[in-house]
Amino acid sequence: MPKQKIIVPPALVETWALLPAATFGSAVRAKGILLEVRARLPLTVRKSLGVDGMALVLGMAEDSQDEFASTTAAVTRALDEIESLPVIPREIQDILGISASERHRWLKDGRLQSAGTRTVRLSGRARQITFHVFDPRVVEDLLDRGTVNGWREEDIAAKAENRRQAGYRTKLTRSLKKAAKKPKTVEGQTDAAAGKLLGWDEFDVDGLLR
C-alpha cells in the first residue's frame, strides 16, 4: 500500500485581506493580484504566497524567519497601491459579467475605454502577446451604474435596425430588377393595343398620319 504524503502546515503565516475596491468581488481579479505581487518577489519565495478567497496568504517554515520577514515587508509594499493596478481582459470580463466578444465589440466602437496596452511573454514560449488593459476606476463606474445592461439594449436595438435595413435593401433590389424588365413589356402591349384600335385604318387612309 503506497504511503500517504504528510503535509506539514507552515509555521510562519501572514494574511492580507484584499479590499473590495481592489478585487471588485472577483476571484479572477484576486488571482491576478496574486500573480502581480508574486512577480515582485524573489523566485525562491514566490510559491510561498497564495490566495485564499479574497486574501493573500504567505506561509513558510519555522526556520525561515528572516526570509519570512523580508517577504512580508515586500508583499505589504506591493499591496499599498494595488487598487490602481490596471484590469486585464479576463478580469474585466469576470467583474462586469461580459463575454470576450462583447469586450472586443465595445472596445472597438469606443464605449469601453482602454487605458493602454501591455505586452507579456507566454510562460514557456517565445511568443509575446499584447492586450488592452483598463482603468480600475472606470471599471468600478461601469459596474456601479450598470452600464453594461444599457449597452446590451443598444446592441439589440442596433441589430434589429440592421435587419430592417437589410430587408428594405433586399426589397428595393427586387423592385429595381422588376422595374428594369417592365418597360419593354409595357411598350409591346401598347403597340399591340394601338394596332387594335377601331377606325385606325380609316384614320390612316384620310392621310391624317402624313
N, C-alpha and C. Protein backbone atom coordinates (compact mmCIF):
# COMPACT_ATOMS: atom_id res chain seq x y z
N MET A 1 0.85 -1.19 0.00
CA MET A 1 0.00 0.00 0.00
C MET A 1 0.89 1.24 0.00
N PRO A 2 0.67 2.17 -0.96
CA PRO A 2 1.53 3.35 -1.03
C PRO A 2 1.38 4.23 0.20
N LYS A 3 2.51 4.81 0.58
CA LYS A 3 2.49 5.70 1.75
C LYS A 3 1.86 7.04 1.39
N GLN A 4 1.06 7.55 2.32
CA GLN A 4 0.44 8.85 2.10
C GLN A 4 1.44 9.95 2.45
N LYS A 5 1.47 10.94 1.59
CA LYS A 5 2.37 12.07 1.83
C LYS A 5 1.81 12.95 2.93
N ILE A 6 2.61 13.19 3.92
CA ILE A 6 2.17 14.02 5.05
C ILE A 6 2.52 15.48 4.76
N ILE A 7 1.49 16.32 4.77
CA ILE A 7 1.69 17.74 4.51
C ILE A 7 1.76 18.48 5.84
N VAL A 8 2.90 19.10 6.09
CA VAL A 8 3.10 19.84 7.33
C VAL A 8 2.71 21.30 7.10
N PRO A 9 1.75 21.82 7.82
CA PRO A 9 1.35 23.22 7.64
C PRO A 9 2.50 24.15 8.00
N PRO A 10 2.59 25.27 7.29
CA PRO A 10 3.68 26.21 7.58
C PRO A 10 3.55 26.78 9.00
N ALA A 11 4.71 26.97 9.63
CA ALA A 11 4.72 27.51 11.00
C ALA A 11 4.57 29.02 11.01
N LEU A 12 5.07 29.66 9.95
CA LEU A 12 5.01 31.13 9.86
C LEU A 12 3.96 31.51 8.82
N VAL A 13 2.94 32.21 9.23
CA VAL A 13 1.83 32.55 8.34
C VAL A 13 1.46 34.02 8.49
N GLU A 14 1.22 34.67 7.36
CA GLU A 14 0.74 36.06 7.35
C GLU A 14 -0.37 36.16 6.31
N THR A 15 -1.41 36.90 6.65
CA THR A 15 -2.57 37.03 5.76
C THR A 15 -2.87 38.50 5.49
N TRP A 16 -3.20 38.79 4.24
CA TRP A 16 -3.60 40.15 3.84
C TRP A 16 -4.99 40.07 3.19
N ALA A 17 -5.97 40.69 3.80
CA ALA A 17 -7.31 40.73 3.21
C ALA A 17 -7.32 41.73 2.05
N LEU A 18 -7.83 41.30 0.92
CA LEU A 18 -7.92 42.18 -0.25
C LEU A 18 -9.24 42.94 -0.21
N LEU A 19 -9.15 44.25 -0.27
CA LEU A 19 -10.35 45.09 -0.18
C LEU A 19 -11.20 44.99 -1.45
N PRO A 20 -12.52 45.16 -1.30
CA PRO A 20 -13.42 45.14 -2.47
C PRO A 20 -13.03 46.17 -3.53
N ALA A 21 -12.43 47.29 -3.09
CA ALA A 21 -12.02 48.32 -4.05
C ALA A 21 -10.91 47.81 -4.96
N ALA A 22 -10.21 46.75 -4.53
CA ALA A 22 -9.15 46.18 -5.34
C ALA A 22 -9.62 44.99 -6.16
N THR A 23 -10.50 44.18 -5.58
CA THR A 23 -10.93 42.94 -6.26
C THR A 23 -12.26 43.05 -6.99
N PHE A 24 -13.11 44.03 -6.60
CA PHE A 24 -14.47 44.15 -7.14
C PHE A 24 -15.27 42.87 -6.89
N GLY A 25 -14.85 42.10 -5.88
CA GLY A 25 -15.55 40.86 -5.58
C GLY A 25 -15.26 39.73 -6.56
N SER A 26 -14.23 39.87 -7.37
CA SER A 26 -13.92 38.90 -8.41
C SER A 26 -12.76 38.00 -7.99
N ALA A 27 -12.99 36.69 -8.02
CA ALA A 27 -11.93 35.73 -7.71
C ALA A 27 -10.85 35.76 -8.78
N VAL A 28 -11.24 36.06 -10.01
CA VAL A 28 -10.27 36.16 -11.11
C VAL A 28 -9.35 37.35 -10.87
N ARG A 29 -9.91 38.45 -10.40
CA ARG A 29 -9.12 39.64 -10.08
C ARG A 29 -8.18 39.35 -8.89
N ALA A 30 -8.68 38.63 -7.91
CA ALA A 30 -7.85 38.27 -6.75
C ALA A 30 -6.65 37.44 -7.20
N LYS A 31 -6.87 36.50 -8.12
CA LYS A 31 -5.78 35.69 -8.65
C LYS A 31 -4.80 36.56 -9.44
N GLY A 32 -5.32 37.53 -10.16
CA GLY A 32 -4.46 38.44 -10.89
C GLY A 32 -3.58 39.27 -9.96
N ILE A 33 -4.14 39.70 -8.84
CA ILE A 33 -3.37 40.45 -7.85
C ILE A 33 -2.26 39.56 -7.27
N LEU A 34 -2.59 38.30 -7.01
CA LEU A 34 -1.59 37.36 -6.52
C LEU A 34 -0.41 37.26 -7.48
N LEU A 35 -0.72 37.10 -8.77
CA LEU A 35 0.34 36.97 -9.77
C LEU A 35 1.17 38.24 -9.87
N GLU A 36 0.52 39.39 -9.74
CA GLU A 36 1.23 40.66 -9.79
C GLU A 36 2.18 40.81 -8.60
N VAL A 37 1.71 40.45 -7.42
CA VAL A 37 2.55 40.56 -6.23
C VAL A 37 3.68 39.54 -6.28
N ARG A 38 3.37 38.33 -6.72
CA ARG A 38 4.42 37.31 -6.85
C ARG A 38 5.56 37.77 -7.76
N ALA A 39 5.18 38.47 -8.84
CA ALA A 39 6.19 38.92 -9.81
C ALA A 39 7.18 39.89 -9.19
N ARG A 40 6.82 40.49 -8.06
CA ARG A 40 7.70 41.45 -7.40
C ARG A 40 8.54 40.80 -6.30
N LEU A 41 8.40 39.50 -6.13
CA LEU A 41 9.14 38.77 -5.11
C LEU A 41 10.27 37.96 -5.73
N PRO A 42 11.28 37.60 -4.96
CA PRO A 42 12.33 36.71 -5.47
C PRO A 42 11.75 35.37 -5.89
N LEU A 43 12.33 34.76 -6.90
CA LEU A 43 11.83 33.48 -7.41
C LEU A 43 11.73 32.41 -6.33
N THR A 44 12.65 32.43 -5.39
CA THR A 44 12.71 31.37 -4.38
C THR A 44 11.53 31.38 -3.41
N VAL A 45 10.82 32.52 -3.31
CA VAL A 45 9.73 32.59 -2.31
C VAL A 45 8.35 32.79 -2.96
N ARG A 46 8.30 32.88 -4.27
CA ARG A 46 7.02 33.19 -4.94
C ARG A 46 5.94 32.16 -4.63
N LYS A 47 6.31 30.89 -4.62
CA LYS A 47 5.33 29.83 -4.38
C LYS A 47 4.84 29.81 -2.93
N SER A 48 5.52 30.53 -2.05
CA SER A 48 5.11 30.57 -0.64
C SER A 48 3.89 31.47 -0.46
N LEU A 49 3.61 32.30 -1.46
CA LEU A 49 2.47 33.20 -1.40
C LEU A 49 1.33 32.64 -2.23
N GLY A 50 0.15 32.52 -1.62
CA GLY A 50 -1.01 32.01 -2.33
C GLY A 50 -2.22 32.89 -2.09
N VAL A 51 -3.35 32.48 -2.63
CA VAL A 51 -4.59 33.22 -2.45
C VAL A 51 -5.64 32.29 -1.87
N ASP A 52 -6.38 32.80 -0.91
CA ASP A 52 -7.46 32.04 -0.28
C ASP A 52 -8.70 32.93 -0.27
N GLY A 53 -9.60 32.70 -1.23
CA GLY A 53 -10.76 33.58 -1.34
C GLY A 53 -10.34 34.97 -1.74
N MET A 54 -10.60 35.94 -0.88
CA MET A 54 -10.23 37.32 -1.14
C MET A 54 -9.09 37.76 -0.22
N ALA A 55 -8.14 36.88 -0.03
CA ALA A 55 -6.99 37.19 0.82
C ALA A 55 -5.74 36.53 0.29
N LEU A 56 -4.61 37.19 0.47
CA LEU A 56 -3.31 36.61 0.14
C LEU A 56 -2.75 35.99 1.42
N VAL A 57 -2.14 34.82 1.26
CA VAL A 57 -1.61 34.11 2.42
C VAL A 57 -0.17 33.71 2.15
N LEU A 58 0.71 34.10 3.07
CA LEU A 58 2.12 33.74 2.99
C LEU A 58 2.42 32.70 4.05
N GLY A 59 3.02 31.59 3.65
CA GLY A 59 3.36 30.54 4.60
C GLY A 59 4.76 30.01 4.40
N MET A 60 5.54 29.96 5.47
CA MET A 60 6.91 29.47 5.40
C MET A 60 7.23 28.61 6.61
N ALA A 61 8.32 27.87 6.48
CA ALA A 61 8.76 27.01 7.58
C ALA A 61 9.31 27.86 8.72
N GLU A 62 9.40 27.23 9.90
CA GLU A 62 9.81 27.96 11.11
C GLU A 62 11.24 28.46 11.03
N ASP A 63 12.08 27.75 10.27
CA ASP A 63 13.49 28.15 10.18
C ASP A 63 13.74 29.20 9.10
N SER A 64 12.66 29.83 8.58
CA SER A 64 12.80 30.84 7.52
C SER A 64 12.36 32.21 8.02
N GLN A 65 12.67 32.52 9.26
CA GLN A 65 12.17 33.75 9.87
C GLN A 65 12.67 35.00 9.16
N ASP A 66 13.95 35.05 8.82
CA ASP A 66 14.48 36.23 8.13
C ASP A 66 13.84 36.41 6.75
N GLU A 67 13.78 35.32 6.02
CA GLU A 67 13.17 35.36 4.70
C GLU A 67 11.69 35.70 4.80
N PHE A 68 11.03 35.17 5.83
CA PHE A 68 9.62 35.45 6.04
C PHE A 68 9.40 36.93 6.32
N ALA A 69 10.25 37.52 7.12
CA ALA A 69 10.13 38.94 7.46
C ALA A 69 10.32 39.83 6.24
N SER A 70 11.34 39.53 5.43
CA SER A 70 11.60 40.35 4.25
C SER A 70 10.49 40.19 3.21
N THR A 71 9.97 38.98 3.08
CA THR A 71 8.88 38.73 2.12
C THR A 71 7.60 39.42 2.58
N THR A 72 7.34 39.36 3.87
CA THR A 72 6.16 40.04 4.41
C THR A 72 6.20 41.53 4.11
N ALA A 73 7.35 42.12 4.29
CA ALA A 73 7.50 43.56 4.02
C ALA A 73 7.31 43.85 2.53
N ALA A 74 7.83 42.96 1.68
CA ALA A 74 7.71 43.17 0.23
C ALA A 74 6.26 43.06 -0.23
N VAL A 75 5.53 42.11 0.33
CA VAL A 75 4.12 41.95 -0.04
C VAL A 75 3.32 43.16 0.43
N THR A 76 3.59 43.63 1.62
CA THR A 76 2.89 44.80 2.16
C THR A 76 3.11 46.02 1.27
N ARG A 77 4.36 46.21 0.83
CA ARG A 77 4.66 47.34 -0.06
C ARG A 77 3.93 47.19 -1.39
N ALA A 78 3.91 45.98 -1.91
CA ALA A 78 3.27 45.74 -3.21
C ALA A 78 1.77 46.01 -3.15
N LEU A 79 1.16 45.77 -1.99
CA LEU A 79 -0.29 45.95 -1.86
C LEU A 79 -0.70 47.39 -1.57
N ASP A 80 0.29 48.26 -1.32
CA ASP A 80 -0.03 49.66 -0.98
C ASP A 80 -0.81 50.35 -2.09
N GLU A 81 -0.45 50.07 -3.35
CA GLU A 81 -1.10 50.75 -4.48
C GLU A 81 -1.82 49.75 -5.38
N ILE A 82 -2.21 48.62 -4.81
CA ILE A 82 -2.82 47.57 -5.63
C ILE A 82 -4.17 47.97 -6.20
N GLU A 83 -4.85 48.92 -5.57
CA GLU A 83 -6.17 49.35 -6.06
C GLU A 83 -6.06 50.05 -7.41
N SER A 84 -4.88 50.55 -7.74
CA SER A 84 -4.69 51.23 -9.03
C SER A 84 -4.13 50.29 -10.10
N LEU A 85 -3.99 49.01 -9.76
CA LEU A 85 -3.47 48.03 -10.73
C LEU A 85 -4.42 47.93 -11.91
N PRO A 86 -3.94 48.11 -13.15
CA PRO A 86 -4.82 48.02 -14.32
C PRO A 86 -5.54 46.67 -14.38
N VAL A 87 -6.75 46.70 -14.90
CA VAL A 87 -7.58 45.50 -15.03
C VAL A 87 -7.31 44.86 -16.39
N ILE A 88 -6.99 43.58 -16.38
CA ILE A 88 -6.69 42.89 -17.63
C ILE A 88 -7.97 42.26 -18.20
N PRO A 89 -7.95 41.82 -19.47
CA PRO A 89 -9.18 41.34 -20.12
C PRO A 89 -9.98 40.29 -19.37
N ARG A 90 -9.35 39.22 -18.92
CA ARG A 90 -10.12 38.16 -18.25
C ARG A 90 -10.74 38.65 -16.94
N GLU A 91 -10.09 39.65 -16.32
CA GLU A 91 -10.62 40.20 -15.08
C GLU A 91 -11.85 41.07 -15.34
N ILE A 92 -11.79 41.94 -16.35
CA ILE A 92 -12.93 42.80 -16.62
C ILE A 92 -14.14 41.99 -17.08
N GLN A 93 -13.87 40.89 -17.78
CA GLN A 93 -14.99 40.02 -18.20
C GLN A 93 -15.68 39.40 -17.00
N ASP A 94 -14.89 39.01 -16.00
CA ASP A 94 -15.47 38.41 -14.80
C ASP A 94 -16.16 39.46 -13.94
N ILE A 95 -15.55 40.63 -13.81
CA ILE A 95 -16.11 41.69 -12.97
C ILE A 95 -17.45 42.20 -13.51
N LEU A 96 -17.49 42.45 -14.82
CA LEU A 96 -18.70 43.01 -15.44
C LEU A 96 -19.66 41.93 -15.94
N GLY A 97 -19.22 40.67 -15.93
CA GLY A 97 -20.07 39.60 -16.42
C GLY A 97 -20.32 39.69 -17.91
N ILE A 98 -19.27 39.98 -18.67
CA ILE A 98 -19.40 40.13 -20.12
C ILE A 98 -18.60 39.04 -20.83
N SER A 99 -18.90 38.85 -22.11
CA SER A 99 -18.19 37.85 -22.90
C SER A 99 -17.01 38.51 -23.61
N ALA A 100 -16.13 37.68 -24.15
CA ALA A 100 -14.98 38.19 -24.89
C ALA A 100 -15.44 38.96 -26.13
N SER A 101 -16.49 38.48 -26.79
CA SER A 101 -16.99 39.16 -28.00
C SER A 101 -17.56 40.53 -27.65
N GLU A 102 -18.24 40.64 -26.52
CA GLU A 102 -18.76 41.94 -26.10
C GLU A 102 -17.62 42.90 -25.78
N ARG A 103 -16.60 42.37 -25.11
CA ARG A 103 -15.44 43.22 -24.78
C ARG A 103 -14.79 43.74 -26.06
N HIS A 104 -14.59 42.88 -27.04
CA HIS A 104 -13.99 43.30 -28.31
C HIS A 104 -14.86 44.31 -29.03
N ARG A 105 -16.19 44.08 -29.07
CA ARG A 105 -17.10 44.95 -29.78
C ARG A 105 -17.15 46.34 -29.15
N TRP A 106 -17.28 46.38 -27.84
CA TRP A 106 -17.39 47.67 -27.15
C TRP A 106 -16.07 48.42 -27.12
N LEU A 107 -14.97 47.69 -27.13
CA LEU A 107 -13.66 48.33 -27.21
C LEU A 107 -13.47 48.94 -28.60
N LYS A 108 -13.93 48.23 -29.61
CA LYS A 108 -13.77 48.69 -30.99
C LYS A 108 -14.61 49.93 -31.28
N ASP A 109 -15.85 49.97 -30.75
CA ASP A 109 -16.71 51.13 -31.04
C ASP A 109 -16.53 52.28 -30.05
N GLY A 110 -15.61 52.12 -29.10
CA GLY A 110 -15.27 53.23 -28.21
C GLY A 110 -16.07 53.32 -26.92
N ARG A 111 -17.06 52.46 -26.74
CA ARG A 111 -17.83 52.52 -25.50
C ARG A 111 -17.00 52.06 -24.30
N LEU A 112 -16.15 51.08 -24.52
CA LEU A 112 -15.27 50.59 -23.47
C LEU A 112 -13.90 51.22 -23.70
N GLN A 113 -13.47 52.04 -22.75
CA GLN A 113 -12.24 52.80 -22.92
C GLN A 113 -11.01 52.01 -22.45
N SER A 114 -10.01 51.98 -23.31
CA SER A 114 -8.75 51.31 -22.98
C SER A 114 -7.85 52.27 -22.21
N ALA A 115 -7.09 51.73 -21.26
CA ALA A 115 -6.12 52.53 -20.51
C ALA A 115 -4.71 52.28 -21.04
N GLY A 116 -4.62 51.67 -22.23
CA GLY A 116 -3.33 51.36 -22.81
C GLY A 116 -3.21 49.87 -23.10
N THR A 117 -2.02 49.46 -23.43
CA THR A 117 -1.78 48.05 -23.74
C THR A 117 -0.61 47.52 -22.91
N ARG A 118 -0.59 46.20 -22.78
CA ARG A 118 0.50 45.53 -22.08
C ARG A 118 0.96 44.35 -22.94
N THR A 119 2.26 44.16 -22.99
CA THR A 119 2.84 43.04 -23.75
C THR A 119 3.53 42.09 -22.78
N VAL A 120 3.18 40.82 -22.86
CA VAL A 120 3.78 39.81 -21.98
C VAL A 120 4.22 38.62 -22.81
N ARG A 121 5.17 37.89 -22.27
CA ARG A 121 5.63 36.67 -22.91
C ARG A 121 4.92 35.49 -22.26
N LEU A 122 4.34 34.63 -23.07
CA LEU A 122 3.63 33.47 -22.56
C LEU A 122 4.60 32.53 -21.86
N SER A 123 4.17 31.96 -20.77
CA SER A 123 5.02 31.07 -19.99
C SER A 123 5.51 29.89 -20.81
N GLY A 124 6.83 29.73 -20.85
CA GLY A 124 7.42 28.61 -21.57
C GLY A 124 7.43 28.76 -23.08
N ARG A 125 7.07 29.93 -23.58
CA ARG A 125 7.03 30.15 -25.02
C ARG A 125 7.81 31.41 -25.39
N ALA A 126 8.22 31.45 -26.66
CA ALA A 126 8.96 32.61 -27.14
C ALA A 126 8.01 33.72 -27.62
N ARG A 127 6.78 33.33 -27.92
CA ARG A 127 5.82 34.29 -28.47
C ARG A 127 5.30 35.26 -27.40
N GLN A 128 5.13 36.50 -27.80
CA GLN A 128 4.58 37.53 -26.92
C GLN A 128 3.17 37.87 -27.37
N ILE A 129 2.35 38.33 -26.44
CA ILE A 129 1.01 38.79 -26.78
C ILE A 129 0.81 40.19 -26.22
N THR A 130 0.04 40.98 -26.92
CA THR A 130 -0.28 42.35 -26.49
C THR A 130 -1.78 42.46 -26.32
N PHE A 131 -2.22 43.06 -25.23
CA PHE A 131 -3.65 43.19 -24.97
C PHE A 131 -3.93 44.52 -24.29
N HIS A 132 -5.19 44.93 -24.37
CA HIS A 132 -5.62 46.17 -23.73
C HIS A 132 -5.84 45.95 -22.23
N VAL A 133 -5.54 46.99 -21.45
CA VAL A 133 -5.84 46.98 -20.01
C VAL A 133 -6.78 48.14 -19.73
N PHE A 134 -7.41 48.11 -18.55
CA PHE A 134 -8.47 49.09 -18.25
C PHE A 134 -8.25 49.72 -16.87
N ASP A 135 -8.63 50.99 -16.78
CA ASP A 135 -8.51 51.73 -15.53
C ASP A 135 -9.50 51.15 -14.51
N PRO A 136 -9.04 50.74 -13.34
CA PRO A 136 -9.94 50.15 -12.34
C PRO A 136 -11.06 51.08 -11.90
N ARG A 137 -10.82 52.39 -11.91
CA ARG A 137 -11.87 53.34 -11.51
C ARG A 137 -12.96 53.43 -12.59
N VAL A 138 -12.55 53.31 -13.85
CA VAL A 138 -13.54 53.28 -14.94
C VAL A 138 -14.37 52.01 -14.84
N VAL A 139 -13.72 50.89 -14.55
CA VAL A 139 -14.43 49.62 -14.39
C VAL A 139 -15.41 49.71 -13.22
N GLU A 140 -14.98 50.33 -12.14
CA GLU A 140 -15.84 50.49 -10.97
C GLU A 140 -17.08 51.31 -11.32
N ASP A 141 -16.89 52.37 -12.10
CA ASP A 141 -18.01 53.22 -12.50
C ASP A 141 -18.98 52.45 -13.39
N LEU A 142 -18.47 51.68 -14.33
CA LEU A 142 -19.33 50.88 -15.20
C LEU A 142 -20.14 49.88 -14.38
N LEU A 143 -19.49 49.30 -13.37
CA LEU A 143 -20.15 48.31 -12.52
C LEU A 143 -21.24 48.96 -11.67
N ASP A 144 -20.93 50.11 -11.08
CA ASP A 144 -21.88 50.79 -10.19
C ASP A 144 -23.12 51.28 -10.94
N ARG A 145 -22.91 51.77 -12.17
CA ARG A 145 -24.03 52.34 -12.94
C ARG A 145 -24.78 51.30 -13.76
N GLY A 146 -24.30 50.07 -13.76
CA GLY A 146 -24.97 49.04 -14.56
C GLY A 146 -24.96 49.36 -16.04
N THR A 147 -23.88 49.97 -16.49
CA THR A 147 -23.79 50.44 -17.87
C THR A 147 -23.91 49.31 -18.88
N VAL A 148 -23.41 48.15 -18.53
CA VAL A 148 -23.40 47.02 -19.45
C VAL A 148 -24.81 46.67 -19.94
N ASN A 149 -25.79 46.73 -19.04
CA ASN A 149 -27.17 46.42 -19.43
C ASN A 149 -27.66 47.38 -20.51
N GLY A 150 -27.32 48.66 -20.35
CA GLY A 150 -27.70 49.65 -21.35
C GLY A 150 -27.04 49.39 -22.69
N TRP A 151 -25.76 49.01 -22.64
CA TRP A 151 -25.05 48.71 -23.89
C TRP A 151 -25.67 47.51 -24.60
N ARG A 152 -26.08 46.53 -23.83
CA ARG A 152 -26.69 45.35 -24.45
C ARG A 152 -28.03 45.72 -25.10
N GLU A 153 -28.81 46.60 -24.46
CA GLU A 153 -30.07 47.04 -25.05
C GLU A 153 -29.81 47.81 -26.35
N GLU A 154 -28.75 48.63 -26.35
CA GLU A 154 -28.39 49.36 -27.56
C GLU A 154 -28.01 48.40 -28.69
N ASP A 155 -27.29 47.34 -28.33
CA ASP A 155 -26.88 46.36 -29.33
C ASP A 155 -28.08 45.63 -29.93
N ILE A 156 -29.05 45.31 -29.06
CA ILE A 156 -30.26 44.62 -29.53
C ILE A 156 -31.03 45.52 -30.50
N ALA A 157 -31.15 46.81 -30.14
CA ALA A 157 -31.86 47.77 -30.99
C ALA A 157 -31.12 47.96 -32.33
N ALA A 158 -29.79 48.04 -32.25
CA ALA A 158 -28.99 48.23 -33.47
C ALA A 158 -29.10 47.00 -34.37
N LYS A 159 -29.13 45.83 -33.77
CA LYS A 159 -29.25 44.60 -34.55
C LYS A 159 -30.59 44.53 -35.26
N ALA A 160 -31.66 44.94 -34.54
CA ALA A 160 -32.99 44.94 -35.14
C ALA A 160 -33.05 45.95 -36.29
N GLU A 161 -32.42 47.12 -36.11
CA GLU A 161 -32.41 48.14 -37.16
C GLU A 161 -31.62 47.65 -38.37
N ASN A 162 -30.53 46.97 -38.13
CA ASN A 162 -29.73 46.43 -39.24
C ASN A 162 -30.53 45.40 -40.04
N ARG A 163 -31.30 44.59 -39.32
CA ARG A 163 -32.14 43.61 -40.01
C ARG A 163 -33.21 44.31 -40.85
N ARG A 164 -33.80 45.37 -40.27
CA ARG A 164 -34.82 46.11 -41.00
C ARG A 164 -34.24 46.75 -42.26
N GLN A 165 -33.05 47.34 -42.12
CA GLN A 165 -32.39 47.97 -43.26
C GLN A 165 -32.03 46.94 -44.32
N ALA A 166 -31.58 45.77 -43.88
CA ALA A 166 -31.22 44.70 -44.82
C ALA A 166 -32.46 44.23 -45.57
N GLY A 167 -33.58 44.11 -44.86
CA GLY A 167 -34.82 43.71 -45.50
C GLY A 167 -35.29 44.74 -46.51
N TYR A 168 -35.13 46.03 -46.15
CA TYR A 168 -35.52 47.11 -47.06
C TYR A 168 -34.66 47.10 -48.32
N ARG A 169 -33.33 46.89 -48.14
CA ARG A 169 -32.43 46.86 -49.31
C ARG A 169 -32.75 45.68 -50.22
N THR A 170 -33.09 44.55 -49.63
CA THR A 170 -33.45 43.38 -50.43
C THR A 170 -34.71 43.64 -51.24
N LYS A 171 -35.70 44.24 -50.57
CA LYS A 171 -36.95 44.55 -51.25
C LYS A 171 -36.73 45.57 -52.37
N LEU A 172 -35.89 46.58 -52.10
CA LEU A 172 -35.60 47.60 -53.10
C LEU A 172 -34.89 47.01 -54.31
N THR A 173 -33.96 46.11 -54.06
CA THR A 173 -33.23 45.46 -55.17
C THR A 173 -34.17 44.67 -56.05
N ARG A 174 -35.10 43.96 -55.43
CA ARG A 174 -36.09 43.19 -56.21
C ARG A 174 -36.97 44.11 -57.04
N SER A 175 -37.38 45.21 -56.45
CA SER A 175 -38.24 46.16 -57.16
C SER A 175 -37.52 46.75 -58.37
N LEU A 176 -36.23 47.09 -58.19
CA LEU A 176 -35.47 47.66 -59.30
C LEU A 176 -35.28 46.66 -60.43
N LYS A 177 -35.10 45.40 -60.08
CA LYS A 177 -34.97 44.37 -61.11
C LYS A 177 -36.26 44.21 -61.90
N LYS A 178 -37.39 44.26 -61.18
CA LYS A 178 -38.68 44.16 -61.87
C LYS A 178 -38.93 45.38 -62.75
N ALA A 179 -38.54 46.56 -62.23
CA ALA A 179 -38.75 47.79 -62.99
C ALA A 179 -37.92 47.80 -64.26
N ALA A 180 -36.73 47.19 -64.20
CA ALA A 180 -35.86 47.15 -65.37
C ALA A 180 -36.45 46.31 -66.49
N LYS A 181 -37.24 45.32 -66.14
CA LYS A 181 -37.87 44.46 -67.14
C LYS A 181 -39.22 45.00 -67.60
N LYS A 182 -39.88 45.77 -66.78
CA LYS A 182 -41.25 46.20 -67.03
C LYS A 182 -41.43 47.09 -68.26
N PRO A 183 -40.57 48.09 -68.57
CA PRO A 183 -40.80 48.99 -69.72
C PRO A 183 -40.96 48.27 -71.06
N LYS A 184 -40.13 47.23 -71.31
CA LYS A 184 -40.23 46.51 -72.58
C LYS A 184 -41.58 45.84 -72.72
N THR A 185 -42.07 45.26 -71.69
CA THR A 185 -43.36 44.58 -71.73
C THR A 185 -44.48 45.57 -71.95
N VAL A 186 -44.41 46.69 -71.26
CA VAL A 186 -45.46 47.72 -71.40
C VAL A 186 -45.47 48.29 -72.80
N GLU A 187 -44.23 48.52 -73.36
CA GLU A 187 -44.15 49.08 -74.70
C GLU A 187 -44.76 48.13 -75.72
N GLY A 188 -44.51 46.84 -75.59
CA GLY A 188 -45.06 45.86 -76.52
C GLY A 188 -46.57 45.79 -76.42
N GLN A 189 -47.06 45.87 -75.20
CA GLN A 189 -48.51 45.82 -75.00
C GLN A 189 -49.17 47.06 -75.58
N THR A 190 -48.48 48.21 -75.49
CA THR A 190 -49.04 49.46 -76.02
C THR A 190 -49.15 49.41 -77.54
N ASP A 191 -48.10 48.90 -78.18
CA ASP A 191 -48.12 48.79 -79.64
C ASP A 191 -49.22 47.84 -80.10
N ALA A 192 -49.39 46.74 -79.40
CA ALA A 192 -50.42 45.76 -79.77
C ALA A 192 -51.80 46.36 -79.60
N ALA A 193 -51.96 47.11 -78.52
CA ALA A 193 -53.27 47.71 -78.27
C ALA A 193 -53.58 48.78 -79.32
N ALA A 194 -52.55 49.54 -79.72
CA ALA A 194 -52.76 50.58 -80.72
C ALA A 194 -53.17 49.99 -82.06
N GLY A 195 -52.64 48.82 -82.37
CA GLY A 195 -52.97 48.19 -83.63
C GLY A 195 -54.40 47.70 -83.68
N LYS A 196 -55.01 47.54 -82.52
CA LYS A 196 -56.37 47.01 -82.47
C LYS A 196 -57.42 48.13 -82.33
N LEU A 197 -57.01 49.40 -82.39
CA LEU A 197 -57.97 50.49 -82.23
C LEU A 197 -58.95 50.51 -83.40
N LEU A 198 -60.21 50.64 -83.10
CA LEU A 198 -61.25 50.71 -84.13
C LEU A 198 -61.09 51.99 -84.94
N GLY A 199 -61.18 51.87 -86.27
CA GLY A 199 -61.13 53.03 -87.13
C GLY A 199 -59.73 53.48 -87.45
N TRP A 200 -58.72 52.72 -86.99
CA TRP A 200 -57.33 53.13 -87.21
C TRP A 200 -57.00 53.16 -88.71
N ASP A 201 -57.46 52.16 -89.47
CA ASP A 201 -57.17 52.12 -90.91
C ASP A 201 -57.78 53.30 -91.62
N GLU A 202 -59.04 53.62 -91.27
CA GLU A 202 -59.69 54.78 -91.90
C GLU A 202 -58.95 56.06 -91.59
N PHE A 203 -58.42 56.12 -90.35
CA PHE A 203 -57.67 57.29 -89.92
C PHE A 203 -56.42 57.46 -90.78
N ASP A 204 -55.80 56.36 -91.14
CA ASP A 204 -54.60 56.38 -91.96
C ASP A 204 -54.91 56.74 -93.40
N VAL A 205 -56.07 56.20 -93.93
CA VAL A 205 -56.49 56.48 -95.31
C VAL A 205 -56.74 57.95 -95.51
N ASP A 206 -57.28 58.58 -94.56
CA ASP A 206 -57.59 60.02 -94.65
C ASP A 206 -56.35 60.86 -94.71
N GLY A 207 -55.19 60.23 -94.55
CA GLY A 207 -53.95 60.99 -94.66
C GLY A 207 -53.59 61.80 -93.45
N LEU A 208 -54.25 61.50 -92.39
CA LEU A 208 -54.01 62.33 -91.17
C LEU A 208 -52.69 61.96 -90.49
N LEU A 209 -52.09 60.84 -90.89
CA LEU A 209 -50.83 60.46 -90.28
C LEU A 209 -49.63 60.96 -91.09
N ARG A 210 -49.89 61.61 -92.24
CA ARG A 210 -48.79 62.04 -93.09
C ARG A 210 -48.46 63.49 -92.82
